[in-house]
């Protein structure tokens, strides 16, 4: 078992599993964020954020999620360096273009750029919500809670630069997923010649949905539709 985990195949399998875990997080995160648009009063989004901040199950999952991110980044970095060491002579650009998509050839670069955006995102939102606690409070249905809707909508409405960064981060994430989604199934052995095409097609649809879904949120506030 230990030899499998330390092998290249084992690392790829763990990378794939961690990828599935992060894909699940993206689905939950996007669903919660779309409440910013679904209810312009902010009550639904605030209730969702309050539930996630106080629910004991969610609070247990949070450090597991952080570990999943770290594991995914560490394994991706390890495998990239390992592959480069094994193939010191670069292939011709024409051969690369013929054998793989642009996203698959630049997964590490895309991942690094997404990590930069993630740090900015955490600084603007997670830090203020979880650490500094400098948000205004609001009462909804008799429950006293932080007004996270005001924090998020306020930043989107006041900063064109952050809106642009958020959209860019969403597009980069989508590009990363166009290859990563199908590669995850292949890494855990759930792919063959027929299913690889299906997973790749599904991955592109999922990537577009994620990129568009996250991008429309800052645009919604930027054009003045948000409350």
C-alpha atoms as a PDB file:
ATOM      1  CA  UNK A   1       0.000   0.000   0.000  1.00  0.00           C
ATOM      2  CA  UNK A   2       2.767   2.423   0.955  1.00  0.00           C
ATOM      3  CA  UNK A   3       4.643   1.640  -2.279  1.00  0.00           C
ATOM      4  CA  UNK A   4       1.505   2.468  -4.297  1.00  0.00           C
ATOM      5  CA  UNK A   5       1.077   5.816  -2.535  1.00  0.00           C
ATOM      6  CA  UNK A   6       4.705   6.779  -3.136  1.00  0.00           C
ATOM      7  CA  UNK A   7       4.626   5.671  -6.781  1.00  0.00           C
ATOM      8  CA  UNK A   8       3.860   8.037  -9.638  1.00  0.00           C
ATOM      9  CA  UNK A   9       0.571   6.221 -10.321  1.00  0.00           C
ATOM     10  CA  UNK A  10      -0.396   6.441  -6.662  1.00  0.00           C
ATOM     11  CA  UNK A  11       0.341  10.156  -6.514  1.00  0.00           C
ATOM     12  CA  UNK A  12      -1.744  10.726  -9.651  1.00  0.00           C
ATOM     13  CA  UNK A  13      -4.619   8.753  -8.114  1.00  0.00           C
ATOM     14  CA  UNK A  14      -4.490  10.851  -4.927  1.00  0.00           C
ATOM     15  CA  UNK A  15      -4.274  13.988  -7.064  1.00  0.00           C
ATOM     16  CA  UNK A  16      -7.413  12.848  -8.897  1.00  0.00           C
ATOM     17  CA  UNK A  17      -9.303  12.146  -5.652  1.00  0.00           C
ATOM     18  CA  UNK A  18      -8.326  15.532  -4.236  1.00  0.00           C
ATOM     19  CA  UNK A  19      -9.484  17.044  -7.533  1.00  0.00           C
ATOM     20  CA  UNK A  20     -12.918  15.437  -7.137  1.00  0.00           C
ATOM     21  CA  UNK A  21     -13.101  16.820  -3.617  1.00  0.00           C
ATOM     22  CA  UNK A  22     -12.284  20.338  -4.811  1.00  0.00           C
ATOM     23  CA  UNK A  23     -14.801  20.045  -7.673  1.00  0.00           C
ATOM     24  CA  UNK A  24     -17.478  19.236  -5.080  1.00  0.00           C
ATOM     25  CA  UNK A  25     -16.425  22.320  -3.131  1.00  0.00           C
ATOM     26  CA  UNK A  26     -16.684  24.477  -6.259  1.00  0.00           C
ATOM     27  CA  UNK A  27     -20.260  23.284  -6.837  1.00  0.00           C
ATOM     28  CA  UNK A  28     -21.267  24.141  -3.264  1.00  0.00           C
ATOM     29  CA  UNK A  29     -19.382  27.449  -3.320  1.00  0.00           C
ATOM     30  CA  UNK A  30     -20.932  28.544  -6.631  1.00  0.00           C
ATOM     31  CA  UNK A  31     -24.423  27.579  -5.466  1.00  0.00           C
ATOM     32  CA  UNK A  32     -23.972  29.667  -2.321  1.00  0.00           C
ATOM     33  CA  UNK A  33     -22.541  32.612  -4.261  1.00  0.00           C
ATOM     34  CA  UNK A  34     -25.413  32.615  -6.727  1.00  0.00           C
ATOM     35  CA  UNK A  35     -27.663  33.489  -3.800  1.00  0.00           C
ATOM     36  CA  UNK A  36     -26.125  36.963  -4.162  1.00  0.00           C
ATOM     37  CA  UNK A  37     -28.089  37.254  -7.394  1.00  0.00           C
ATOM     38  CA  UNK A  38     -31.136  35.180  -6.479  1.00  0.00           C
ATOM     39  CA  UNK A  39     -32.094  37.504  -3.606  1.00  0.00           C
ATOM     40  CA  UNK A  40     -31.041  41.141  -3.960  1.00  0.00           C
ATOM     41  CA  UNK A  41     -32.089  41.857  -0.365  1.00  0.00           C
ATOM     42  CA  UNK A  42     -29.088  39.823   0.798  1.00  0.00           C
ATOM     43  CA  UNK A  43     -31.083  37.817   3.331  1.00  0.00           C
ATOM     44  CA  UNK A  44     -30.645  34.463   1.599  1.00  0.00           C
ATOM     45  CA  UNK A  45     -26.889  34.881   1.160  1.00  0.00           C
ATOM     46  CA  UNK A  46     -26.474  36.048   4.747  1.00  0.00           C
ATOM     47  CA  UNK A  47     -28.484  33.077   6.020  1.00  0.00           C
ATOM     48  CA  UNK A  48     -26.389  30.667   3.956  1.00  0.00           C
ATOM     49  CA  UNK A  49     -23.127  32.201   5.231  1.00  0.00           C
ATOM     50  CA  UNK A  50     -24.392  32.163   8.825  1.00  0.00           C
ATOM     51  CA  UNK A  51     -25.389  28.511   8.508  1.00  0.00           C
ATOM     52  CA  UNK A  52     -21.991  27.559   7.100  1.00  0.00           C
ATOM     53  CA  UNK A  53     -20.192  29.552   9.808  1.00  0.00           C
ATOM     54  CA  UNK A  54     -22.107  27.997  12.693  1.00  0.00           C
ATOM     55  CA  UNK A  55     -22.885  24.465  11.492  1.00  0.00           C
ATOM     56  CA  UNK A  56     -20.552  22.024  13.324  1.00  0.00           C
ATOM     57  CA  UNK A  57     -20.306  19.668  10.329  1.00  0.00           C
ATOM     58  CA  UNK A  58     -19.207  22.481   8.025  1.00  0.00           C
ATOM     59  CA  UNK A  59     -16.677  23.680  10.604  1.00  0.00           C
ATOM     60  CA  UNK A  60     -15.137  20.201  10.679  1.00  0.00           C
ATOM     61  CA  UNK A  61     -15.018  20.053   6.868  1.00  0.00           C
ATOM     62  CA  UNK A  62     -13.219  23.416   6.580  1.00  0.00           C
ATOM     63  CA  UNK A  63      -9.779  22.181   7.740  1.00  0.00           C
ATOM     64  CA  UNK A  64     -10.247  19.056   5.606  1.00  0.00           C
ATOM     65  CA  UNK A  65     -10.904  21.336   2.631  1.00  0.00           C
ATOM     66  CA  UNK A  66      -7.763  23.330   3.383  1.00  0.00           C
ATOM     67  CA  UNK A  67      -5.787  20.081   3.579  1.00  0.00           C
ATOM     68  CA  UNK A  68      -7.295  19.035   0.240  1.00  0.00           C
ATOM     69  CA  UNK A  69      -6.072  22.251  -1.381  1.00  0.00           C
ATOM     70  CA  UNK A  70      -2.579  21.846   0.077  1.00  0.00           C
ATOM     71  CA  UNK A  71      -2.409  18.183  -0.953  1.00  0.00           C
ATOM     72  CA  UNK A  72      -3.590  18.976  -4.487  1.00  0.00           C
ATOM     73  CA  UNK A  73      -1.015  21.758  -4.905  1.00  0.00           C
ATOM     74  CA  UNK A  74       1.823  19.723  -3.383  1.00  0.00           C
ATOM     75  CA  UNK A  75       1.170  16.637  -5.515  1.00  0.00           C
ATOM     76  CA  UNK A  76       0.729  18.684  -8.700  1.00  0.00           C
ATOM     77  CA  UNK A  77       4.036  20.440  -8.028  1.00  0.00           C
ATOM     78  CA  UNK A  78       5.801  17.159  -7.251  1.00  0.00           C
ATOM     79  CA  UNK A  79       4.533  15.411 -10.377  1.00  0.00           C
ATOM     80  CA  UNK A  80       5.348  18.406 -12.596  1.00  0.00           C
ATOM     81  CA  UNK A  81       8.927  18.566 -11.344  1.00  0.00           C
ATOM     82  CA  UNK A  82       9.216  14.774 -11.632  1.00  0.00           C
ATOM     83  CA  UNK A  83       8.011  14.820 -15.243  1.00  0.00           C
ATOM     84  CA  UNK A  84      10.385  17.640 -16.168  1.00  0.00           C
ATOM     85  CA  UNK A  85      13.305  15.792 -14.612  1.00  0.00           C
ATOM     86  CA  UNK A  86      12.410  12.637 -16.532  1.00  0.00           C
ATOM     87  CA  UNK A  87      12.173  14.533 -19.831  1.00  0.00           C
ATOM     88  CA  UNK A  88      14.931  17.141 -19.831  1.00  0.00           C
ATOM     89  CA  UNK A  89      14.748  17.583 -23.612  1.00  0.00           C
ATOM     90  CA  UNK A  90      11.652  19.551 -24.587  1.00  0.00           C
ATOM     91  CA  UNK A  91       9.421  18.254 -27.335  1.00  0.00           C
ATOM     92  CA  UNK A  92       8.938  20.350 -30.423  1.00  0.00           C
ATOM     93  CA  UNK A  93       6.104  22.828 -30.107  1.00  0.00           C
ATOM     94  CA  UNK A  94       4.336  21.333 -33.099  1.00  0.00           C
ATOM     95  CA  UNK A  95       4.313  17.886 -31.493  1.00  0.00           C
ATOM     96  CA  UNK A  96       3.033  19.329 -28.204  1.00  0.00           C
ATOM     97  CA  UNK A  97       0.187  21.102 -29.950  1.00  0.00           C
ATOM     98  CA  UNK A  98      -0.755  17.951 -31.816  1.00  0.00           C
ATOM     99  CA  UNK A  99      -0.766  15.674 -28.789  1.00  0.00           C
ATOM    100  CA  UNK A 100      -2.371  17.838 -26.117  1.00  0.00           C
ATOM    101  CA  UNK A 101      -4.508  20.904 -25.558  1.00  0.00           C
ATOM    102  CA  UNK A 102      -3.039  24.236 -24.452  1.00  0.00           C
ATOM    103  CA  UNK A 103      -4.617  23.826 -21.013  1.00  0.00           C
ATOM    104  CA  UNK A 104      -3.156  20.348 -20.496  1.00  0.00           C
ATOM    105  CA  UNK A 105       0.330  21.616 -21.407  1.00  0.00           C
ATOM    106  CA  UNK A 106       0.035  24.541 -19.011  1.00  0.00           C
ATOM    107  CA  UNK A 107      -1.810  23.041 -16.040  1.00  0.00           C
ATOM    108  CA  UNK A 108       0.939  23.989 -13.584  1.00  0.00           C
ATOM    109  CA  UNK A 109       1.032  27.602 -14.782  1.00  0.00           C
ATOM    110  CA  UNK A 110      -2.762  27.818 -14.625  1.00  0.00           C
ATOM    111  CA  UNK A 111      -2.704  26.320 -11.138  1.00  0.00           C
ATOM    112  CA  UNK A 112      -0.082  28.843  -9.984  1.00  0.00           C
ATOM    113  CA  UNK A 113      -2.112  31.771 -11.321  1.00  0.00           C
ATOM    114  CA  UNK A 114      -5.265  30.409  -9.658  1.00  0.00           C
ATOM    115  CA  UNK A 115      -3.325  30.149  -6.394  1.00  0.00           C
ATOM    116  CA  UNK A 116      -2.388  33.839  -6.642  1.00  0.00           C
ATOM    117  CA  UNK A 117      -6.035  34.736  -7.163  1.00  0.00           C
ATOM    118  CA  UNK A 118      -7.057  32.460  -4.279  1.00  0.00           C
ATOM    119  CA  UNK A 119      -4.707  34.280  -1.885  1.00  0.00           C
ATOM    120  CA  UNK A 120      -6.202  37.647  -2.946  1.00  0.00           C
ATOM    121  CA  UNK A 121      -9.701  36.234  -2.588  1.00  0.00           C
ATOM    122  CA  UNK A 122      -9.017  34.834   0.882  1.00  0.00           C
ATOM    123  CA  UNK A 123      -7.506  38.134   1.991  1.00  0.00           C
ATOM    124  CA  UNK A 124     -10.562  40.117   0.888  1.00  0.00           C
ATOM    125  CA  UNK A 125     -13.235  37.772   2.189  1.00  0.00           C
ATOM    126  CA  UNK A 126     -12.131  34.811   4.333  1.00  0.00           C
ATOM    127  CA  UNK A 127      -9.736  36.854   6.476  1.00  0.00           C
ATOM    128  CA  UNK A 128     -12.344  39.492   7.291  1.00  0.00           C
ATOM    129  CA  UNK A 129     -15.095  36.942   7.928  1.00  0.00           C
ATOM    130  CA  UNK A 130     -13.072  34.380   9.889  1.00  0.00           C
ATOM    131  CA  UNK A 131     -10.173  36.289  11.465  1.00  0.00           C
ATOM    132  CA  UNK A 132     -10.599  40.055  11.779  1.00  0.00           C
ATOM    133  CA  UNK A 133     -14.406  39.985  12.220  1.00  0.00           C
ATOM    134  CA  UNK A 134     -14.716  43.645  11.226  1.00  0.00           C
ATOM    135  CA  UNK A 135     -18.063  43.239   9.470  1.00  0.00           C
ATOM    136  CA  UNK A 136     -21.290  45.013  10.302  1.00  0.00           C
ATOM    137  CA  UNK A 137     -24.021  42.939  11.938  1.00  0.00           C
ATOM    138  CA  UNK A 138     -27.619  42.511  10.850  1.00  0.00           C
ATOM    139  CA  UNK A 139     -30.676  40.793  12.307  1.00  0.00           C
ATOM    140  CA  UNK A 140     -32.655  38.437  10.071  1.00  0.00           C
ATOM    141  CA  UNK A 141     -35.618  36.516  11.426  1.00  0.00           C
ATOM    142  CA  UNK A 142     -34.545  37.282  14.974  1.00  0.00           C
ATOM    143  CA  UNK A 143     -31.025  35.936  14.397  1.00  0.00           C
ATOM    144  CA  UNK A 144     -28.040  38.263  14.850  1.00  0.00           C
ATOM    145  CA  UNK A 145     -25.426  37.609  12.147  1.00  0.00           C
ATOM    146  CA  UNK A 146     -22.594  39.202  10.184  1.00  0.00           C
ATOM    147  CA  UNK A 147     -23.665  41.099   7.069  1.00  0.00           C
ATOM    148  CA  UNK A 148     -21.512  39.192   4.598  1.00  0.00           C
ATOM    149  CA  UNK A 149     -23.740  40.318   1.735  1.00  0.00           C
ATOM    150  CA  UNK A 150     -22.701  43.937   2.356  1.00  0.00           C
ATOM    151  CA  UNK A 151     -19.033  42.922   2.379  1.00  0.00           C
ATOM    152  CA  UNK A 152     -19.171  41.021  -0.912  1.00  0.00           C
ATOM    153  CA  UNK A 153     -21.517  43.336  -2.799  1.00  0.00           C
ATOM    154  CA  UNK A 154     -19.660  46.393  -1.507  1.00  0.00           C
ATOM    155  CA  UNK A 155     -16.323  45.207  -2.863  1.00  0.00           C
ATOM    156  CA  UNK A 156     -17.761  44.277  -6.252  1.00  0.00           C
ATOM    157  CA  UNK A 157     -19.585  47.597  -6.587  1.00  0.00           C
ATOM    158  CA  UNK A 158     -16.618  49.702  -5.502  1.00  0.00           C
ATOM    159  CA  UNK A 159     -13.697  48.043  -7.300  1.00  0.00           C
ATOM    160  CA  UNK A 160     -13.587  47.509 -11.046  1.00  0.00           C
ATOM    161  CA  UNK A 161     -10.063  46.133 -10.606  1.00  0.00           C
ATOM    162  CA  UNK A 162     -11.203  43.406  -8.204  1.00  0.00           C
ATOM    163  CA  UNK A 163     -14.139  42.553 -10.488  1.00  0.00           C
ATOM    164  CA  UNK A 164     -11.655  42.130 -13.339  1.00  0.00           C
ATOM    165  CA  UNK A 165      -9.387  39.956 -11.195  1.00  0.00           C
ATOM    166  CA  UNK A 166     -12.363  37.849 -10.091  1.00  0.00           C
ATOM    167  CA  UNK A 167     -13.479  37.289 -13.679  1.00  0.00           C
ATOM    168  CA  UNK A 168      -9.908  36.505 -14.755  1.00  0.00           C
ATOM    169  CA  UNK A 169      -9.593  34.030 -11.889  1.00  0.00           C
ATOM    170  CA  UNK A 170     -12.877  32.392 -12.944  1.00  0.00           C
ATOM    171  CA  UNK A 171     -11.679  32.041 -16.544  1.00  0.00           C
ATOM    172  CA  UNK A 172      -8.336  30.591 -15.438  1.00  0.00           C
ATOM    173  CA  UNK A 173     -10.183  28.133 -13.206  1.00  0.00           C
ATOM    174  CA  UNK A 174     -12.378  27.138 -16.143  1.00  0.00           C
ATOM    175  CA  UNK A 175      -9.323  26.532 -18.339  1.00  0.00           C
ATOM    176  CA  UNK A 176      -7.754  24.445 -15.570  1.00  0.00           C
ATOM    177  CA  UNK A 177     -10.906  22.344 -15.321  1.00  0.00           C
ATOM    178  CA  UNK A 178     -11.152  21.682 -19.086  1.00  0.00           C
ATOM    179  CA  UNK A 179      -8.286  19.249 -18.648  1.00  0.00           C
ATOM    180  CA  UNK A 180      -8.347  18.562 -14.918  1.00  0.00           C
ATOM    181  CA  UNK A 181     -11.909  17.210 -14.825  1.00  0.00           C
ATOM    182  CA  UNK A 182     -11.282  14.421 -17.343  1.00  0.00           C
ATOM    183  CA  UNK A 183      -7.750  13.799 -16.054  1.00  0.00           C
ATOM    184  CA  UNK A 184      -9.127  13.100 -12.575  1.00  0.00           C
ATOM    185  CA  UNK A 185     -11.215  10.196 -13.881  1.00  0.00           C
ATOM    186  CA  UNK A 186      -8.229   8.847 -15.776  1.00  0.00           C
ATOM    187  CA  UNK A 187      -6.013   9.121 -12.677  1.00  0.00           C
ATOM    188  CA  UNK A 188      -8.326   6.895 -10.630  1.00  0.00           C
ATOM    189  CA  UNK A 189      -8.744   4.356 -13.438  1.00  0.00           C
ATOM    190  CA  UNK A 190     -12.283   5.290 -14.462  1.00  0.00           C
ATOM    191  CA  UNK A 191     -11.472   6.043 -18.074  1.00  0.00           C
ATOM    192  CA  UNK A 192     -10.803   4.267 -21.342  1.00  0.00           C
ATOM    193  CA  UNK A 193     -10.708   5.357 -24.986  1.00  0.00           C
ATOM    194  CA  UNK A 194     -14.502   5.697 -25.175  1.00  0.00           C
ATOM    195  CA  UNK A 195     -15.119   7.224 -21.745  1.00  0.00           C
ATOM    196  CA  UNK A 196     -12.134   9.551 -22.009  1.00  0.00           C
ATOM    197  CA  UNK A 197     -13.937  11.466 -24.762  1.00  0.00           C
ATOM    198  CA  UNK A 198     -17.126  11.572 -22.695  1.00  0.00           C
ATOM    199  CA  UNK A 199     -15.349  12.762 -19.537  1.00  0.00           C
ATOM    200  CA  UNK A 200     -13.490  15.392 -21.545  1.00  0.00           C
ATOM    201  CA  UNK A 201     -16.724  16.652 -23.114  1.00  0.00           C
ATOM    202  CA  UNK A 202     -18.428  16.725 -19.722  1.00  0.00           C
ATOM    203  CA  UNK A 203     -15.374  18.463 -18.291  1.00  0.00           C
ATOM    204  CA  UNK A 204     -15.610  21.247 -20.875  1.00  0.00           C
ATOM    205  CA  UNK A 205     -19.302  21.777 -20.089  1.00  0.00           C
ATOM    206  CA  UNK A 206     -18.561  21.830 -16.368  1.00  0.00           C
ATOM    207  CA  UNK A 207     -15.622  24.213 -16.860  1.00  0.00           C
ATOM    208  CA  UNK A 208     -17.763  26.636 -18.860  1.00  0.00           C
ATOM    209  CA  UNK A 209     -20.529  26.479 -16.236  1.00  0.00           C
ATOM    210  CA  UNK A 210     -18.054  27.236 -13.430  1.00  0.00           C
ATOM    211  CA  UNK A 211     -16.311  30.060 -15.316  1.00  0.00           C
ATOM    212  CA  UNK A 212     -19.566  31.698 -16.416  1.00  0.00           C
ATOM    213  CA  UNK A 213     -21.298  31.100 -13.089  1.00  0.00           C
ATOM    214  CA  UNK A 214     -18.612  32.834 -11.046  1.00  0.00           C
ATOM    215  CA  UNK A 215     -18.055  35.584 -13.636  1.00  0.00           C
ATOM    216  CA  UNK A 216     -21.653  36.777 -13.752  1.00  0.00           C
ATOM    217  CA  UNK A 217     -21.593  37.622 -10.027  1.00  0.00           C
ATOM    218  CA  UNK A 218     -19.190  40.598 -10.197  1.00  0.00           C
ATOM    219  CA  UNK A 219     -20.772  41.682 -13.492  1.00  0.00           C
ATOM    220  CA  UNK A 220     -24.176  41.687 -11.797  1.00  0.00           C
ATOM    221  CA  UNK A 221     -22.992  44.204  -9.213  1.00  0.00           C
ATOM    222  CA  UNK A 222     -20.758  46.121 -11.576  1.00  0.00           C
ATOM    223  CA  UNK A 223     -23.678  47.073 -13.826  1.00  0.00           C
ATOM    224  CA  UNK A 224     -25.702  48.189 -10.818  1.00  0.00           C
ATOM    225  CA  UNK A 225     -28.228  45.356 -10.550  1.00  0.00           C
ATOM    226  CA  UNK A 226     -27.303  44.334  -6.999  1.00  0.00           C
ATOM    227  CA  UNK A 227     -28.952  45.754  -3.908  1.00  0.00           C
END
